[in-house]
Amino acid sequence: MADKNLDHDVELHAALPIPIKKQPDPFLQISTGKTSIGGMSLFALATIAILAVVLYGLNAPNDAASTRSAPPSSVAQSSAPAAGGQAAPTAPQTTNNAKG
């Protein structure tokens, strides 16, 4: 008798429609459908490309130091002045340009 009621319950449960739970806010729905393999691959490649660019930018050597011009050497300052020019000073000059 118990088996008969159990079978009847299983049949009723199988006959009932499966309730579909609809998301009240469509913006919170995680997926709009199945994503194809091509779409997933494209997303993965785009993610890898963005990460590679960011990590390269973080780890790339800084070229600003090599492109910056070197300060003039003391040998160049003590050389003879050009025609009609004044000789370069041998000691640094300090001026007070502060306004106040």
PDB file of N, CA and C in Angstrom:
ATOM      1  N   MET A   1       0.821  -1.179   0.000  1.00  0.00           N
ATOM      2  CA  MET A   1       0.000   0.000   0.000  1.00  0.00           C
ATOM      3  C   MET A   1       0.872   1.252   0.000  1.00  0.00           C
ATOM      4  N   ALA A   2       1.979   1.219   0.773  1.00  0.00           N
ATOM      5  CA  ALA A   2       2.875   2.374   0.824  1.00  0.00           C
ATOM      6  C   ALA A   2       3.557   2.580  -0.519  1.00  0.00           C
ATOM      7  N   ASP A   3       3.869   1.471  -1.197  1.00  0.00           N
ATOM      8  CA  ASP A   3       4.510   1.584  -2.502  1.00  0.00           C
ATOM      9  C   ASP A   3       3.564   2.202  -3.530  1.00  0.00           C
ATOM     10  N   LYS A   4       2.279   1.876  -3.393  1.00  0.00           N
ATOM     11  CA  LYS A   4       1.300   2.399  -4.329  1.00  0.00           C
ATOM     12  C   LYS A   4       1.157   3.915  -4.169  1.00  0.00           C
ATOM     13  N   ASN A   5       1.151   4.411  -2.922  1.00  0.00           N
ATOM     14  CA  ASN A   5       1.052   5.849  -2.671  1.00  0.00           C
ATOM     15  C   ASN A   5       2.324   6.570  -3.133  1.00  0.00           C
ATOM     16  N   LEU A   6       3.448   5.911  -2.937  1.00  0.00           N
ATOM     17  CA  LEU A   6       4.712   6.508  -3.355  1.00  0.00           C
ATOM     18  C   LEU A   6       4.775   6.632  -4.878  1.00  0.00           C
ATOM     19  N   ASP A   7       4.336   5.594  -5.573  1.00  0.00           N
ATOM     20  CA  ASP A   7       4.312   5.648  -7.037  1.00  0.00           C
ATOM     21  C   ASP A   7       3.353   6.725  -7.521  1.00  0.00           C
ATOM     22  N   HIS A   8       2.219   6.848  -6.841  1.00  0.00           N
ATOM     23  CA  HIS A   8       1.224   7.854  -7.224  1.00  0.00           C
ATOM     24  C   HIS A   8       1.809   9.274  -7.033  1.00  0.00           C
ATOM     25  N   ASP A   9       2.523   9.476  -5.940  1.00  0.00           N
ATOM     26  CA  ASP A   9       3.137  10.786  -5.681  1.00  0.00           C
ATOM     27  C   ASP A   9       4.197  11.116  -6.731  1.00  0.00           C
ATOM     28  N   VAL A  10       4.973  10.124  -7.126  1.00  0.00           N
ATOM     29  CA  VAL A  10       6.012  10.326  -8.133  1.00  0.00           C
ATOM     30  C   VAL A  10       5.375  10.679  -9.472  1.00  0.00           C
ATOM     31  N   GLU A  11       4.284   9.999  -9.813  1.00  0.00           N
ATOM     32  CA  GLU A  11       3.591  10.293 -11.058  1.00  0.00           C
ATOM     33  C   GLU A  11       3.013  11.704 -11.055  1.00  0.00           C
ATOM     34  N   LEU A  12       2.414  12.094  -9.932  1.00  0.00           N
ATOM     35  CA  LEU A  12       1.856  13.444  -9.841  1.00  0.00           C
ATOM     36  C   LEU A  12       2.958  14.499  -9.937  1.00  0.00           C
ATOM     37  N   HIS A  13       4.054  14.264  -9.300  1.00  0.00           N
ATOM     38  CA  HIS A  13       5.174  15.218  -9.321  1.00  0.00           C
ATOM     39  C   HIS A  13       5.754  15.341 -10.726  1.00  0.00           C
ATOM     40  N   ALA A  14       5.806  14.234 -11.455  1.00  0.00           N
ATOM     41  CA  ALA A  14       6.322  14.252 -12.815  1.00  0.00           C
ATOM     42  C   ALA A  14       5.347  14.931 -13.767  1.00  0.00           C
ATOM     43  N   ALA A  15       4.055  14.858 -13.475  1.00  0.00           N
ATOM     44  CA  ALA A  15       3.044  15.449 -14.348  1.00  0.00           C
ATOM     45  C   ALA A  15       2.920  16.956 -14.147  1.00  0.00           C
ATOM     46  N   LEU A  16       3.320  17.436 -13.005  1.00  0.00           N
ATOM     47  CA  LEU A  16       3.194  18.875 -12.732  1.00  0.00           C
ATOM     48  C   LEU A  16       4.189  19.664 -13.582  1.00  0.00           C
ATOM     49  N   PRO A  17       3.768  20.834 -14.046  1.00  0.00           N
ATOM     50  CA  PRO A  17       4.718  21.652 -14.811  1.00  0.00           C
ATOM     51  C   PRO A  17       5.807  22.209 -13.897  1.00  0.00           C
ATOM     52  N   ILE A  18       6.979  22.352 -14.468  1.00  0.00           N
ATOM     53  CA  ILE A  18       8.104  22.897 -13.703  1.00  0.00           C
ATOM     54  C   ILE A  18       7.932  24.417 -13.626  1.00  0.00           C
ATOM     55  N   PRO A  19       7.900  24.961 -12.416  1.00  0.00           N
ATOM     56  CA  PRO A  19       7.707  26.408 -12.309  1.00  0.00           C
ATOM     57  C   PRO A  19       8.957  27.156 -12.802  1.00  0.00           C
ATOM     58  N   ILE A  20       8.721  28.170 -13.635  1.00  0.00           N
ATOM     59  CA  ILE A  20       9.816  28.987 -14.153  1.00  0.00           C
ATOM     60  C   ILE A  20       9.881  30.247 -13.313  1.00  0.00           C
ATOM     61  N   LYS A  21      11.017  30.445 -12.687  1.00  0.00           N
ATOM     62  CA  LYS A  21      11.197  31.635 -11.856  1.00  0.00           C
ATOM     63  C   LYS A  21      11.726  32.757 -12.729  1.00  0.00           C
ATOM     64  N   LYS A  22      10.946  33.811 -12.842  1.00  0.00           N
ATOM     65  CA  LYS A  22      11.342  34.934 -13.672  1.00  0.00           C
ATOM     66  C   LYS A  22      11.998  35.989 -12.790  1.00  0.00           C
ATOM     67  N   GLN A  23      13.089  36.536 -13.282  1.00  0.00           N
ATOM     68  CA  GLN A  23      13.800  37.588 -12.549  1.00  0.00           C
ATOM     69  C   GLN A  23      12.956  38.858 -12.588  1.00  0.00           C
ATOM     70  N   PRO A  24      12.630  39.442 -11.419  1.00  0.00           N
ATOM     71  CA  PRO A  24      11.807  40.647 -11.421  1.00  0.00           C
ATOM     72  C   PRO A  24      12.503  41.846 -12.083  1.00  0.00           C
ATOM     73  N   ASP A  25      13.812  41.927 -11.977  1.00  0.00           N
ATOM     74  CA  ASP A  25      14.566  43.019 -12.596  1.00  0.00           C
ATOM     75  C   ASP A  25      15.474  42.426 -13.668  1.00  0.00           C
ATOM     76  N   PRO A  26      15.223  42.716 -14.943  1.00  0.00           N
ATOM     77  CA  PRO A  26      16.019  42.082 -15.992  1.00  0.00           C
ATOM     78  C   PRO A  26      17.490  42.479 -15.975  1.00  0.00           C
ATOM     79  N   PHE A  27      17.827  43.627 -15.374  1.00  0.00           N
ATOM     80  CA  PHE A  27      19.231  44.031 -15.298  1.00  0.00           C
ATOM     81  C   PHE A  27      20.029  43.149 -14.348  1.00  0.00           C
ATOM     82  N   LEU A  28      19.345  42.473 -13.438  1.00  0.00           N
ATOM     83  CA  LEU A  28      20.024  41.580 -12.504  1.00  0.00           C
ATOM     84  C   LEU A  28      20.159  40.167 -13.052  1.00  0.00           C
ATOM     85  N   GLN A  29      19.574  39.915 -14.204  1.00  0.00           N
ATOM     86  CA  GLN A  29      19.679  38.593 -14.801  1.00  0.00           C
ATOM     87  C   GLN A  29      21.117  38.357 -15.245  1.00  0.00           C
ATOM     88  N   ILE A  30      21.675  37.250 -14.853  1.00  0.00           N
ATOM     89  CA  ILE A  30      23.077  36.963 -15.111  1.00  0.00           C
ATOM     90  C   ILE A  30      23.330  36.693 -16.577  1.00  0.00           C
ATOM     91  N   SER A  31      22.493  35.933 -17.203  1.00  0.00           N
ATOM     92  CA  SER A  31      22.734  35.557 -18.582  1.00  0.00           C
ATOM     93  C   SER A  31      21.447  35.680 -19.380  1.00  0.00           C
ATOM     94  N   THR A  32      21.579  36.062 -20.643  1.00  0.00           N
ATOM     95  CA  THR A  32      20.403  36.148 -21.504  1.00  0.00           C
ATOM     96  C   THR A  32      20.231  34.888 -22.327  1.00  0.00           C
ATOM     97  N   GLY A  33      21.133  33.979 -22.211  1.00  0.00           N
ATOM     98  CA  GLY A  33      21.045  32.736 -22.962  1.00  0.00           C
ATOM     99  C   GLY A  33      22.374  32.031 -22.933  1.00  0.00           C
ATOM    100  N   LYS A  34      22.468  30.978 -23.719  1.00  0.00           N
ATOM    101  CA  LYS A  34      23.716  30.235 -23.768  1.00  0.00           C
ATOM    102  C   LYS A  34      24.723  30.977 -24.640  1.00  0.00           C
ATOM    103  N   THR A  35      25.935  31.064 -24.179  1.00  0.00           N
ATOM    104  CA  THR A  35      26.999  31.697 -24.934  1.00  0.00           C
ATOM    105  C   THR A  35      27.716  30.628 -25.744  1.00  0.00           C
ATOM    106  N   SER A  36      27.984  30.964 -26.989  1.00  0.00           N
ATOM    107  CA  SER A  36      28.649  29.989 -27.845  1.00  0.00           C
ATOM    108  C   SER A  36      30.133  29.905 -27.495  1.00  0.00           C
ATOM    109  N   ILE A  37      30.786  28.911 -28.003  1.00  0.00           N
ATOM    110  CA  ILE A  37      32.217  28.718 -27.776  1.00  0.00           C
ATOM    111  C   ILE A  37      33.002  29.885 -28.370  1.00  0.00           C
ATOM    112  N   GLY A  38      32.566  30.368 -29.533  1.00  0.00           N
ATOM    113  CA  GLY A  38      33.242  31.506 -30.167  1.00  0.00           C
ATOM    114  C   GLY A  38      33.158  32.763 -29.322  1.00  0.00           C
ATOM    115  N   GLY A  39      31.999  33.003 -28.733  1.00  0.00           N
ATOM    116  CA  GLY A  39      31.833  34.177 -27.877  1.00  0.00           C
ATOM    117  C   GLY A  39      32.681  34.089 -26.625  1.00  0.00           C
ATOM    118  N   MET A  40      32.736  32.900 -26.042  1.00  0.00           N
ATOM    119  CA  MET A  40      33.559  32.714 -24.845  1.00  0.00           C
ATOM    120  C   MET A  40      35.040  32.858 -25.184  1.00  0.00           C
ATOM    121  N   SER A  41      35.439  32.337 -26.346  1.00  0.00           N
ATOM    122  CA  SER A  41      36.837  32.447 -26.762  1.00  0.00           C
ATOM    123  C   SER A  41      37.217  33.893 -27.033  1.00  0.00           C
ATOM    124  N   LEU A  42      36.337  34.641 -27.674  1.00  0.00           N
ATOM    125  CA  LEU A  42      36.595  36.051 -27.957  1.00  0.00           C
ATOM    126  C   LEU A  42      36.721  36.848 -26.659  1.00  0.00           C
ATOM    127  N   PHE A  43      35.853  36.564 -25.702  1.00  0.00           N
ATOM    128  CA  PHE A  43      35.927  37.237 -24.407  1.00  0.00           C
ATOM    129  C   PHE A  43      37.237  36.906 -23.696  1.00  0.00           C
ATOM    130  N   ALA A  44      37.650  35.643 -23.737  1.00  0.00           N
ATOM    131  CA  ALA A  44      38.895  35.229 -23.085  1.00  0.00           C
ATOM    132  C   ALA A  44      40.103  35.886 -23.752  1.00  0.00           C
ATOM    133  N   LEU A  45      40.116  35.943 -25.086  1.00  0.00           N
ATOM    134  CA  LEU A  45      41.234  36.585 -25.790  1.00  0.00           C
ATOM    135  C   LEU A  45      41.299  38.079 -25.505  1.00  0.00           C
ATOM    136  N   ALA A  46      40.145  38.733 -25.450  1.00  0.00           N
ATOM    137  CA  ALA A  46      40.125  40.165 -25.135  1.00  0.00           C
ATOM    138  C   ALA A  46      40.631  40.413 -23.719  1.00  0.00           C
ATOM    139  N   THR A  47      40.240  39.575 -22.795  1.00  0.00           N
ATOM    140  CA  THR A  47      40.706  39.711 -21.406  1.00  0.00           C
ATOM    141  C   THR A  47      42.212  39.510 -21.316  1.00  0.00           C
ATOM    142  N   ILE A  48      42.727  38.513 -22.004  1.00  0.00           N
ATOM    143  CA  ILE A  48      44.174  38.251 -21.986  1.00  0.00           C
ATOM    144  C   ILE A  48      44.937  39.406 -22.620  1.00  0.00           C
ATOM    145  N   ALA A  49      44.403  39.962 -23.709  1.00  0.00           N
ATOM    146  CA  ALA A  49      45.080  41.089 -24.376  1.00  0.00           C
ATOM    147  C   ALA A  49      45.127  42.311 -23.470  1.00  0.00           C
ATOM    148  N   ILE A  50      44.042  42.608 -22.789  1.00  0.00           N
ATOM    149  CA  ILE A  50      44.015  43.760 -21.878  1.00  0.00           C
ATOM    150  C   ILE A  50      44.990  43.549 -20.734  1.00  0.00           C
ATOM    151  N   LEU A  51      45.005  42.361 -20.157  1.00  0.00           N
ATOM    152  CA  LEU A  51      45.941  42.080 -19.061  1.00  0.00           C
ATOM    153  C   LEU A  51      47.392  42.164 -19.526  1.00  0.00           C
ATOM    154  N   ALA A  52      47.669  41.692 -20.733  1.00  0.00           N
ATOM    155  CA  ALA A  52      49.038  41.743 -21.250  1.00  0.00           C
ATOM    156  C   ALA A  52      49.489  43.186 -21.433  1.00  0.00           C
ATOM    157  N   VAL A  53      48.621  44.045 -21.956  1.00  0.00           N
ATOM    158  CA  VAL A  53      48.980  45.457 -22.152  1.00  0.00           C
ATOM    159  C   VAL A  53      49.215  46.137 -20.805  1.00  0.00           C
ATOM    160  N   VAL A  54      48.364  45.874 -19.839  1.00  0.00           N
ATOM    161  CA  VAL A  54      48.521  46.492 -18.513  1.00  0.00           C
ATOM    162  C   VAL A  54      49.806  46.018 -17.847  1.00  0.00           C
ATOM    163  N   LEU A  55      50.064  44.730 -17.874  1.00  0.00           N
ATOM    164  CA  LEU A  55      51.274  44.214 -17.231  1.00  0.00           C
ATOM    165  C   LEU A  55      52.535  44.674 -17.959  1.00  0.00           C
ATOM    166  N   TYR A  56      52.491  44.791 -19.288  1.00  0.00           N
ATOM    167  CA  TYR A  56      53.643  45.311 -20.016  1.00  0.00           C
ATOM    168  C   TYR A  56      53.891  46.768 -19.633  1.00  0.00           C
ATOM    169  N   GLY A  57      52.842  47.536 -19.506  1.00  0.00           N
ATOM    170  CA  GLY A  57      52.988  48.930 -19.109  1.00  0.00           C
ATOM    171  C   GLY A  57      53.562  49.083 -17.712  1.00  0.00           C
ATOM    172  N   LEU A  58      53.221  48.168 -16.830  1.00  0.00           N
ATOM    173  CA  LEU A  58      53.747  48.236 -15.469  1.00  0.00           C
ATOM    174  C   LEU A  58      55.204  47.795 -15.394  1.00  0.00           C
ATOM    175  N   ASN A  59      55.613  46.883 -16.255  1.00  0.00           N
ATOM    176  CA  ASN A  59      56.956  46.315 -16.163  1.00  0.00           C
ATOM    177  C   ASN A  59      57.921  46.837 -17.211  1.00  0.00           C
ATOM    178  N   ALA A  60      57.481  47.679 -18.109  1.00  0.00           N
ATOM    179  CA  ALA A  60      58.354  48.189 -19.168  1.00  0.00           C
ATOM    180  C   ALA A  60      59.415  49.098 -18.572  1.00  0.00           C
ATOM    181  N   PRO A  61      60.631  49.067 -19.122  1.00  0.00           N
ATOM    182  CA  PRO A  61      61.674  49.958 -18.606  1.00  0.00           C
ATOM    183  C   PRO A  61      61.327  51.404 -18.900  1.00  0.00           C
ATOM    184  N   ASN A  62      61.726  52.270 -18.008  1.00  0.00           N
ATOM    185  CA  ASN A  62      61.443  53.691 -18.155  1.00  0.00           C
ATOM    186  C   ASN A  62      62.474  54.299 -19.095  1.00  0.00           C
ATOM    187  N   ASP A  63      62.054  54.756 -20.273  1.00  0.00           N
ATOM    188  CA  ASP A  63      62.959  55.320 -21.257  1.00  0.00           C
ATOM    189  C   ASP A  63      63.196  56.809 -21.052  1.00  0.00           C
ATOM    190  N   ALA A  64      62.544  57.432 -20.101  1.00  0.00           N
ATOM    191  CA  ALA A  64      62.698  58.873 -19.886  1.00  0.00           C
ATOM    192  C   ALA A  64      64.124  59.206 -19.437  1.00  0.00           C
ATOM    193  N   ALA A  65      64.757  58.329 -18.686  1.00  0.00           N
ATOM    194  CA  ALA A  65      66.113  58.602 -18.206  1.00  0.00           C
ATOM    195  C   ALA A  65      67.123  58.548 -19.359  1.00  0.00           C
ATOM    196  N   SER A  66      66.908  57.672 -20.324  1.00  0.00           N
ATOM    197  CA  SER A  66      67.867  57.555 -21.412  1.00  0.00           C
ATOM    198  C   SER A  66      67.682  58.653 -22.456  1.00  0.00           C
ATOM    199  N   THR A  67      66.498  59.221 -22.563  1.00  0.00           N
ATOM    200  CA  THR A  67      66.272  60.277 -23.550  1.00  0.00           C
ATOM    201  C   THR A  67      66.570  61.662 -22.993  1.00  0.00           C
ATOM    202  N   ARG A  68      66.701  61.765 -21.705  1.00  0.00           N
ATOM    203  CA  ARG A  68      66.998  63.050 -21.091  1.00  0.00           C
ATOM    204  C   ARG A  68      68.444  63.434 -21.407  1.00  0.00           C
ATOM    205  N   SER A  69      68.664  64.686 -21.755  1.00  0.00           N
ATOM    206  CA  SER A  69      70.025  65.114 -22.088  1.00  0.00           C
ATOM    207  C   SER A  69      70.873  65.191 -20.821  1.00  0.00           C
ATOM    208  N   ALA A  70      72.120  64.825 -20.970  1.00  0.00           N
ATOM    209  CA  ALA A  70      73.042  64.843 -19.839  1.00  0.00           C
ATOM    210  C   ALA A  70      73.414  66.295 -19.519  1.00  0.00           C
ATOM    211  N   PRO A  71      73.655  66.593 -18.245  1.00  0.00           N
ATOM    212  CA  PRO A  71      74.060  67.956 -17.905  1.00  0.00           C
ATOM    213  C   PRO A  71      75.431  68.252 -18.513  1.00  0.00           C
ATOM    214  N   PRO A  72      75.673  69.497 -18.836  1.00  0.00           N
ATOM    215  CA  PRO A  72      76.967  69.830 -19.440  1.00  0.00           C
ATOM    216  C   PRO A  72      78.113  69.503 -18.483  1.00  0.00           C
ATOM    217  N   SER A  73      79.167  68.959 -19.060  1.00  0.00           N
ATOM    218  CA  SER A  73      80.300  68.584 -18.217  1.00  0.00           C
ATOM    219  C   SER A  73      81.158  69.809 -17.914  1.00  0.00           C
ATOM    220  N   SER A  74      82.010  69.673 -16.910  1.00  0.00           N
ATOM    221  CA  SER A  74      82.865  70.803 -16.520  1.00  0.00           C
ATOM    222  C   SER A  74      83.917  71.093 -17.594  1.00  0.00           C
ATOM    223  N   VAL A  75      84.236  70.100 -18.406  1.00  0.00           N
ATOM    224  CA  VAL A  75      85.213  70.302 -19.475  1.00  0.00           C
ATOM    225  C   VAL A  75      84.623  71.238 -20.521  1.00  0.00           C
ATOM    226  N   ALA A  76      83.356  71.076 -20.820  1.00  0.00           N
ATOM    227  CA  ALA A  76      82.722  71.927 -21.823  1.00  0.00           C
ATOM    228  C   ALA A  76      82.594  73.356 -21.318  1.00  0.00           C
ATOM    229  N   GLN A  77      82.426  73.566 -20.021  1.00  0.00           N
ATOM    230  CA  GLN A  77      82.273  74.913 -19.482  1.00  0.00           C
ATOM    231  C   GLN A  77      83.593  75.671 -19.497  1.00  0.00           C
ATOM    232  N   SER A  78      84.701  74.988 -19.342  1.00  0.00           N
ATOM    233  CA  SER A  78      85.977  75.682 -19.264  1.00  0.00           C
ATOM    234  C   SER A  78      86.624  75.858 -20.635  1.00  0.00           C
ATOM    235  N   SER A  79      85.934  75.448 -21.683  1.00  0.00           N
ATOM    236  CA  SER A  79      86.514  75.601 -23.011  1.00  0.00           C
ATOM    237  C   SER A  79      86.472  77.077 -23.438  1.00  0.00           C
ATOM    238  N   ALA A  80      87.206  77.377 -24.472  1.00  0.00           N
ATOM    239  CA  ALA A  80      87.311  78.759 -24.940  1.00  0.00           C
ATOM    240  C   ALA A  80      85.964  79.226 -25.461  1.00  0.00           C
ATOM    241  N   PRO A  81      85.617  80.491 -25.218  1.00  0.00           N
ATOM    242  CA  PRO A  81      84.337  81.008 -25.671  1.00  0.00           C
ATOM    243  C   PRO A  81      84.339  81.186 -27.188  1.00  0.00           C
ATOM    244  N   ALA A  82      83.146  81.207 -27.735  1.00  0.00           N
ATOM    245  CA  ALA A  82      83.007  81.405 -29.171  1.00  0.00           C
ATOM    246  C   ALA A  82      83.379  82.849 -29.511  1.00  0.00           C
ATOM    247  N   ALA A  83      83.578  83.105 -30.765  1.00  0.00           N
ATOM    248  CA  ALA A  83      84.003  84.440 -31.199  1.00  0.00           C
ATOM    249  C   ALA A  83      82.971  85.479 -30.782  1.00  0.00           C
ATOM    250  N   GLY A  84      83.418  86.512 -30.104  1.00  0.00           N
ATOM    251  CA  GLY A  84      82.546  87.598 -29.669  1.00  0.00           C
ATOM    252  C   GLY A  84      81.735  87.277 -28.434  1.00  0.00           C
ATOM    253  N   GLY A  85      81.870  86.080 -27.867  1.00  0.00           N
ATOM    254  CA  GLY A  85      81.094  85.728 -26.688  1.00  0.00           C
ATOM    255  C   GLY A  85      81.896  85.898 -25.415  1.00  0.00           C
ATOM    256  N   GLN A  86      81.222  85.825 -24.315  1.00  0.00           N
ATOM    257  CA  GLN A  86      81.905  85.948 -23.023  1.00  0.00           C
ATOM    258  C   GLN A  86      82.287  84.558 -22.532  1.00  0.00           C
ATOM    259  N   ALA A  87      83.309  84.515 -21.714  1.00  0.00           N
ATOM    260  CA  ALA A  87      83.753  83.247 -21.139  1.00  0.00           C
ATOM    261  C   ALA A  87      82.723  82.779 -20.123  1.00  0.00           C
ATOM    262  N   ALA A  88      82.565  81.499 -20.027  1.00  0.00           N
ATOM    263  CA  ALA A  88      81.623  80.936 -19.074  1.00  0.00           C
ATOM    264  C   ALA A  88      82.171  81.118 -17.664  1.00  0.00           C
ATOM    265  N   PRO A  89      81.329  81.400 -16.697  1.00  0.00           N
ATOM    266  CA  PRO A  89      81.802  81.574 -15.322  1.00  0.00           C
ATOM    267  C   PRO A  89      82.324  80.251 -14.773  1.00  0.00           C
ATOM    268  N   THR A  90      83.343  80.345 -13.943  1.00  0.00           N
ATOM    269  CA  THR A  90      83.930  79.133 -13.373  1.00  0.00           C
ATOM    270  C   THR A  90      83.221  78.711 -12.103  1.00  0.00           C
ATOM    271  N   ALA A  91      82.618  79.604 -11.376  1.00  0.00           N
ATOM    272  CA  ALA A  91      81.898  79.267 -10.153  1.00  0.00           C
ATOM    273  C   ALA A  91      80.407  79.475 -10.398  1.00  0.00           C
ATOM    274  N   PRO A  92      79.572  78.662  -9.787  1.00  0.00           N
ATOM    275  CA  PRO A  92      78.139  78.846  -9.991  1.00  0.00           C
ATOM    276  C   PRO A  92      77.670  80.158  -9.377  1.00  0.00           C
ATOM    277  N   GLN A  93      76.783  80.814 -10.058  1.00  0.00           N
ATOM    278  CA  GLN A  93      76.243  82.072  -9.562  1.00  0.00           C
ATOM    279  C   GLN A  93      74.907  81.792  -8.886  1.00  0.00           C
ATOM    280  N   THR A  94      74.716  82.410  -7.757  1.00  0.00           N
ATOM    281  CA  THR A  94      73.453  82.240  -7.050  1.00  0.00           C
ATOM    282  C   THR A  94      72.712  83.565  -7.089  1.00  0.00           C
ATOM    283  N   THR A  95      71.473  83.511  -7.441  1.00  0.00           N
ATOM    284  CA  THR A  95      70.666  84.709  -7.455  1.00  0.00           C
ATOM    285  C   THR A  95      69.427  84.449  -6.625  1.00  0.00           C
ATOM    286  N   ASN A  96      68.919  85.452  -6.015  1.00  0.00           N
ATOM    287  CA  ASN A  96      67.708  85.335  -5.225  1.00  0.00           C
ATOM    288  C   ASN A  96      66.556  85.857  -6.069  1.00  0.00           C
ATOM    289  N   ASN A  97      65.839  84.946  -6.665  1.00  0.00           N
ATOM    290  CA  ASN A  97      64.724  85.320  -7.507  1.00  0.00           C
ATOM    291  C   ASN A  97      63.394  85.295  -6.771  1.00  0.00           C
ATOM    292  N   ALA A  98      63.450  85.168  -5.464  1.00  0.00           N
ATOM    293  CA  ALA A  98      62.219  85.103  -4.680  1.00  0.00           C
ATOM    294  C   ALA A  98      61.571  86.477  -4.629  1.00  0.00           C
ATOM    295  N   LYS A  99      60.267  86.486  -4.836  1.00  0.00           N
ATOM    296  CA  LYS A  99      59.521  87.751  -4.753  1.00  0.00           C
ATOM    297  C   LYS A  99      58.834  87.794  -3.401  1.00  0.00           C
ATOM    298  N   GLY A 100      58.842  88.967  -2.828  1.00  0.00           N
ATOM    299  CA  GLY A 100      58.188  88.984  -1.535  1.00  0.00           C
ATOM    300  C   GLY A 100      58.083  90.307  -0.910  1.00  0.00           C
TER     301      GLY A 100
END
